[in-house]
N, C-alpha and C. Protein backbone atom coordinates (compact mmCIF):
# COMPACT_ATOMS: atom_id res chain seq x y z
N MET A 1 -9.25 -6.34 39.70
CA MET A 1 -8.53 -6.80 38.53
C MET A 1 -9.27 -8.01 37.96
N THR A 2 -9.41 -8.05 36.69
CA THR A 2 -10.17 -9.12 36.06
C THR A 2 -9.32 -10.37 35.87
N THR A 3 -9.99 -11.47 35.65
CA THR A 3 -9.30 -12.73 35.39
C THR A 3 -8.44 -12.63 34.15
N ASN A 4 -8.94 -11.95 33.12
CA ASN A 4 -8.17 -11.77 31.88
C ASN A 4 -6.88 -11.00 32.14
N THR A 5 -6.97 -9.97 32.96
CA THR A 5 -5.78 -9.18 33.28
C THR A 5 -4.76 -10.03 34.03
N LEU A 6 -5.23 -10.78 35.03
CA LEU A 6 -4.33 -11.66 35.78
C LEU A 6 -3.69 -12.70 34.88
N ASN A 7 -4.47 -13.29 33.99
CA ASN A 7 -3.92 -14.29 33.07
C ASN A 7 -2.88 -13.67 32.15
N HIS A 8 -3.12 -12.43 31.71
CA HIS A 8 -2.16 -11.73 30.87
C HIS A 8 -0.86 -11.49 31.65
N LEU A 9 -0.99 -11.04 32.89
CA LEU A 9 0.20 -10.82 33.72
C LEU A 9 0.98 -12.12 33.92
N ARG A 10 0.27 -13.20 34.22
CA ARG A 10 0.94 -14.49 34.41
C ARG A 10 1.69 -14.89 33.15
N SER A 11 1.08 -14.67 32.02
CA SER A 11 1.71 -15.01 30.74
C SER A 11 2.98 -14.20 30.53
N GLN A 12 2.91 -12.91 30.82
CA GLN A 12 4.08 -12.05 30.67
C GLN A 12 5.18 -12.44 31.65
N ILE A 13 4.80 -12.74 32.88
CA ILE A 13 5.77 -13.12 33.90
C ILE A 13 6.48 -14.41 33.53
N SER A 14 5.77 -15.32 32.91
CA SER A 14 6.37 -16.61 32.56
C SER A 14 7.48 -16.47 31.53
N THR A 15 7.54 -15.33 30.83
CA THR A 15 8.60 -15.13 29.84
C THR A 15 9.87 -14.55 30.47
N LEU A 16 9.79 -14.15 31.74
CA LEU A 16 10.96 -13.58 32.42
C LEU A 16 11.95 -14.68 32.80
N SER A 17 13.19 -14.28 32.93
CA SER A 17 14.21 -15.23 33.39
C SER A 17 13.98 -15.52 34.86
N GLU A 18 14.65 -16.53 35.36
CA GLU A 18 14.51 -16.89 36.78
C GLU A 18 14.91 -15.73 37.68
N SER A 19 16.01 -15.07 37.35
CA SER A 19 16.46 -13.95 38.19
C SER A 19 15.49 -12.77 38.12
N GLU A 20 14.91 -12.54 36.97
CA GLU A 20 13.92 -11.46 36.84
C GLU A 20 12.65 -11.79 37.64
N ARG A 21 12.21 -13.04 37.59
CA ARG A 21 11.03 -13.45 38.38
C ARG A 21 11.32 -13.34 39.87
N ALA A 22 12.55 -13.70 40.28
CA ALA A 22 12.92 -13.59 41.69
C ALA A 22 12.91 -12.13 42.13
N ALA A 23 13.43 -11.25 41.30
CA ALA A 23 13.44 -9.82 41.63
C ALA A 23 12.02 -9.28 41.73
N LEU A 24 11.16 -9.69 40.81
CA LEU A 24 9.76 -9.28 40.84
C LEU A 24 9.06 -9.80 42.09
N ALA A 25 9.29 -11.06 42.41
CA ALA A 25 8.69 -11.66 43.60
C ALA A 25 9.14 -10.91 44.86
N ARG A 26 10.42 -10.60 44.92
CA ARG A 26 10.96 -9.86 46.07
C ARG A 26 10.26 -8.50 46.20
N GLU A 27 10.10 -7.80 45.09
CA GLU A 27 9.44 -6.49 45.11
C GLU A 27 7.98 -6.62 45.53
N LEU A 28 7.30 -7.64 45.03
CA LEU A 28 5.90 -7.83 45.40
C LEU A 28 5.75 -8.13 46.89
N ILE A 29 6.61 -8.99 47.39
CA ILE A 29 6.55 -9.34 48.82
C ILE A 29 6.86 -8.10 49.67
N MET A 30 7.85 -7.33 49.26
CA MET A 30 8.20 -6.13 50.01
C MET A 30 7.04 -5.13 50.00
N SER A 31 6.27 -5.10 48.92
CA SER A 31 5.14 -4.17 48.85
C SER A 31 4.04 -4.57 49.82
N LEU A 32 4.01 -5.83 50.24
CA LEU A 32 3.01 -6.29 51.20
C LEU A 32 3.43 -6.03 52.64
N ASP A 33 4.72 -5.85 52.86
CA ASP A 33 5.25 -5.69 54.20
C ASP A 33 5.01 -4.32 54.81
N GLY A 34 4.69 -3.33 54.03
CA GLY A 34 4.54 -1.99 54.56
C GLY A 34 5.87 -1.28 54.58
N PRO A 35 5.88 -0.10 55.18
CA PRO A 35 7.12 0.68 55.18
C PRO A 35 8.22 0.00 55.99
N ARG A 36 9.43 0.21 55.55
CA ARG A 36 10.60 -0.37 56.21
C ARG A 36 10.83 0.31 57.56
N ASP A 37 11.12 -0.50 58.54
CA ASP A 37 11.40 0.02 59.87
C ASP A 37 12.87 -0.25 60.18
N ASP A 38 13.70 0.78 60.04
CA ASP A 38 15.15 0.62 60.22
C ASP A 38 15.51 0.15 61.62
N SER A 39 14.69 0.49 62.61
CA SER A 39 15.01 0.07 63.98
C SER A 39 14.91 -1.44 64.12
N VAL A 40 13.99 -2.06 63.39
CA VAL A 40 13.86 -3.52 63.43
C VAL A 40 15.10 -4.17 62.83
N GLU A 41 15.54 -3.66 61.70
CA GLU A 41 16.75 -4.22 61.08
C GLU A 41 17.97 -4.04 61.99
N ARG A 42 18.08 -2.87 62.61
CA ARG A 42 19.18 -2.61 63.53
C ARG A 42 19.13 -3.57 64.72
N ASP A 43 17.92 -3.79 65.26
CA ASP A 43 17.76 -4.71 66.39
C ASP A 43 18.14 -6.14 66.00
N TRP A 44 17.74 -6.57 64.79
CA TRP A 44 18.11 -7.92 64.34
C TRP A 44 19.62 -8.04 64.15
N ASN A 45 20.24 -7.00 63.59
CA ASN A 45 21.70 -7.02 63.43
C ASN A 45 22.38 -7.12 64.78
N ASP A 46 21.89 -6.37 65.77
CA ASP A 46 22.45 -6.45 67.13
C ASP A 46 22.29 -7.86 67.70
N GLU A 47 21.13 -8.46 67.47
CA GLU A 47 20.88 -9.82 67.97
C GLU A 47 21.81 -10.83 67.31
N ILE A 48 22.02 -10.69 66.02
CA ILE A 48 22.94 -11.59 65.30
C ILE A 48 24.35 -11.48 65.87
N ILE A 49 24.78 -10.25 66.09
CA ILE A 49 26.12 -10.04 66.65
C ILE A 49 26.22 -10.67 68.04
N ARG A 50 25.17 -10.50 68.85
CA ARG A 50 25.16 -11.08 70.20
C ARG A 50 25.25 -12.60 70.15
N ARG A 51 24.47 -13.20 69.24
CA ARG A 51 24.48 -14.67 69.14
C ARG A 51 25.82 -15.20 68.64
N VAL A 52 26.39 -14.55 67.65
CA VAL A 52 27.69 -14.99 67.13
C VAL A 52 28.74 -14.88 68.22
N SER A 53 28.69 -13.82 69.00
CA SER A 53 29.65 -13.65 70.10
C SER A 53 29.53 -14.78 71.11
N LYS A 54 28.29 -15.17 71.42
CA LYS A 54 28.09 -16.27 72.37
C LYS A 54 28.65 -17.58 71.83
N VAL A 55 28.47 -17.81 70.54
CA VAL A 55 28.99 -19.04 69.93
C VAL A 55 30.52 -19.02 69.96
N LYS A 56 31.10 -17.90 69.55
CA LYS A 56 32.57 -17.81 69.50
C LYS A 56 33.20 -17.91 70.88
N SER A 57 32.52 -17.40 71.91
CA SER A 57 33.08 -17.43 73.26
C SER A 57 32.81 -18.75 73.98
N GLY A 58 32.01 -19.63 73.34
CA GLY A 58 31.69 -20.92 73.96
C GLY A 58 30.56 -20.84 74.97
N LYS A 59 29.88 -19.72 75.05
CA LYS A 59 28.79 -19.56 76.02
C LYS A 59 27.44 -20.04 75.48
N ALA A 60 27.37 -20.32 74.21
CA ALA A 60 26.12 -20.78 73.60
C ALA A 60 26.05 -22.31 73.66
N THR A 61 24.84 -22.80 73.86
CA THR A 61 24.62 -24.25 73.82
C THR A 61 24.13 -24.59 72.41
N LEU A 62 24.95 -25.30 71.67
CA LEU A 62 24.61 -25.65 70.29
C LEU A 62 23.97 -27.02 70.25
N LEU A 63 23.01 -27.17 69.34
CA LEU A 63 22.32 -28.44 69.17
C LEU A 63 22.62 -29.00 67.79
N SER A 64 22.68 -30.31 67.71
CA SER A 64 22.77 -30.93 66.39
C SER A 64 21.39 -30.82 65.74
N ARG A 65 21.34 -31.08 64.48
CA ARG A 65 20.07 -31.04 63.77
C ARG A 65 19.08 -32.02 64.39
N GLU A 66 19.55 -33.21 64.72
CA GLU A 66 18.67 -34.22 65.30
C GLU A 66 18.17 -33.80 66.68
N GLU A 67 19.06 -33.22 67.50
CA GLU A 67 18.64 -32.74 68.82
C GLU A 67 17.56 -31.66 68.68
N PHE A 68 17.77 -30.76 67.74
CA PHE A 68 16.80 -29.69 67.51
C PHE A 68 15.45 -30.27 67.09
N ARG A 69 15.47 -31.20 66.14
CA ARG A 69 14.23 -31.82 65.67
C ARG A 69 13.50 -32.53 66.80
N THR A 70 14.23 -33.24 67.62
CA THR A 70 13.63 -33.96 68.74
C THR A 70 12.95 -32.97 69.69
N LYS A 71 13.66 -31.89 70.03
CA LYS A 71 13.09 -30.88 70.93
C LYS A 71 11.86 -30.21 70.31
N MET A 72 11.92 -29.90 69.03
CA MET A 72 10.80 -29.25 68.37
C MET A 72 9.58 -30.18 68.30
N ARG A 73 9.82 -31.44 67.99
CA ARG A 73 8.70 -32.40 67.94
C ARG A 73 8.04 -32.51 69.31
N ALA A 74 8.85 -32.56 70.36
CA ALA A 74 8.30 -32.65 71.72
C ALA A 74 7.50 -31.39 72.04
N THR A 75 8.01 -30.24 71.66
CA THR A 75 7.31 -28.99 71.93
C THR A 75 5.99 -28.92 71.17
N LEU A 76 6.02 -29.33 69.91
CA LEU A 76 4.82 -29.25 69.07
C LEU A 76 3.75 -30.27 69.45
N SER A 77 4.16 -31.35 70.06
CA SER A 77 3.18 -32.39 70.44
C SER A 77 2.47 -32.08 71.74
N GLN A 78 2.91 -31.06 72.46
CA GLN A 78 2.26 -30.69 73.73
C GLN A 78 0.96 -30.00 73.52
């Protein structure tokens, strides 16, 4: 694709509304991801349900934002 073509596309995109640009961006990103794998989505949904159950039952250890940041900084500095 030539620079002129890209510049033309950018110009056209800039005239779209925010929601139209967001929809276009979503479609472009999805086109880079490859084919959809329903098993991955199902596995993530199962994981979300498992985590929510742990939180609701009191079995999950929750961290405050500051606790999380402290732990992450320590991990990243190793």
